[in-house]
């Protein structure tokens, strides 16, 4: 007996806009959490730690999340071009 193969697509489709945006968001959240942890371990507390982590992780995400940001832009342009 042969297993059903029609349910599985043989061609690899590019990830959708939502999947790309979720990866980008997840990367930025993980980066923020790591920076916040480092700032808290350095002894900065309260709102100052939160805002310091926000600024530092925002600056760090420009080069570190460049590939995900470009993929999201390409997916958006492709989707926009199809309409």
Protein backbone atom coordinates (compact mmCIF):
# COMPACT_ATOMS: atom_id res chain seq x y z
CA UNK A 1 0.00 0.00 0.00
CA UNK A 2 1.38 3.37 -1.04
CA UNK A 3 1.12 6.34 1.37
CA UNK A 4 -0.78 9.45 0.29
CA UNK A 5 1.67 11.88 -1.24
CA UNK A 6 -0.83 14.38 -2.62
CA UNK A 7 -1.14 16.08 0.75
CA UNK A 8 2.52 17.06 0.80
CA UNK A 9 3.65 19.70 -1.65
CA UNK A 10 6.77 18.68 -3.53
CA UNK A 11 7.71 22.24 -4.45
CA UNK A 12 9.13 24.34 -1.69
CA UNK A 13 7.09 27.52 -1.40
CA UNK A 14 8.67 30.62 0.10
CA UNK A 15 7.50 31.43 3.62
CA UNK A 16 4.56 33.78 3.87
CA UNK A 17 4.56 37.34 5.10
CA UNK A 18 3.24 36.34 8.54
CA UNK A 19 5.96 33.71 9.07
CA UNK A 20 8.70 36.13 8.10
CA UNK A 21 7.33 38.87 10.35
CA UNK A 22 7.02 36.43 13.26
CA UNK A 23 10.67 35.42 12.85
CA UNK A 24 11.73 39.07 12.78
CA UNK A 25 9.63 39.89 15.85
CA UNK A 26 10.91 36.82 17.72
CA UNK A 27 14.51 37.76 16.98
CA UNK A 28 13.97 41.26 18.33
CA UNK A 29 12.20 39.96 21.47
CA UNK A 30 15.01 37.49 22.20
CA UNK A 31 17.59 40.22 21.65
CA UNK A 32 15.71 42.57 23.99
CA UNK A 33 15.47 39.85 26.65
CA UNK A 34 19.18 39.11 26.44
CA UNK A 35 20.13 42.79 26.69
CA UNK A 36 17.67 43.36 29.55
CA UNK A 37 19.17 40.41 31.42
CA UNK A 38 22.68 41.78 30.88
CA UNK A 39 21.64 45.26 32.04
CA UNK A 40 19.97 43.85 35.14
CA UNK A 41 23.07 41.76 35.93
CA UNK A 42 25.13 44.94 35.70
CA UNK A 43 23.06 46.36 38.54
CA UNK A 44 20.78 48.81 36.72
CA UNK A 45 17.23 48.55 38.08
CA UNK A 46 13.74 49.78 37.30
CA UNK A 47 12.69 51.85 34.35
CA UNK A 48 16.27 52.80 33.54
CA UNK A 49 17.10 49.14 32.87
CA UNK A 50 14.04 48.79 30.65
CA UNK A 51 14.79 51.89 28.58
CA UNK A 52 18.51 51.12 28.38
CA UNK A 53 17.72 47.62 27.10
CA UNK A 54 15.19 49.04 24.64
CA UNK A 55 17.72 51.47 23.17
CA UNK A 56 20.66 49.05 23.08
CA UNK A 57 18.65 46.18 21.60
CA UNK A 58 17.12 48.53 19.05
CA UNK A 59 20.56 49.63 17.91
CA UNK A 60 21.85 46.05 17.88
CA UNK A 61 18.89 44.78 15.86
CA UNK A 62 19.75 46.90 12.82
CA UNK A 63 22.76 44.78 11.78
CA UNK A 64 21.65 41.53 13.46
CA UNK A 65 18.12 41.40 12.01
CA UNK A 66 19.01 42.78 8.57
CA UNK A 67 18.35 39.50 6.75
CA UNK A 68 14.90 39.04 8.31
CA UNK A 69 13.98 42.68 7.69
CA UNK A 70 14.95 42.40 3.99
CA UNK A 71 13.02 39.13 3.65
CA UNK A 72 9.92 40.79 5.12
CA UNK A 73 10.28 43.71 2.71
CA UNK A 74 10.66 41.36 -0.28
CA UNK A 75 7.64 39.28 0.76
CA UNK A 76 5.57 42.44 1.18
CA UNK A 77 6.64 43.74 -2.25
CA UNK A 78 5.82 40.39 -3.89
CA UNK A 79 2.43 40.29 -2.21
CA UNK A 80 1.71 43.88 -3.13
CA UNK A 81 2.72 43.23 -6.75
CA UNK A 82 0.26 40.33 -7.06
CA UNK A 83 -2.77 42.49 -6.39
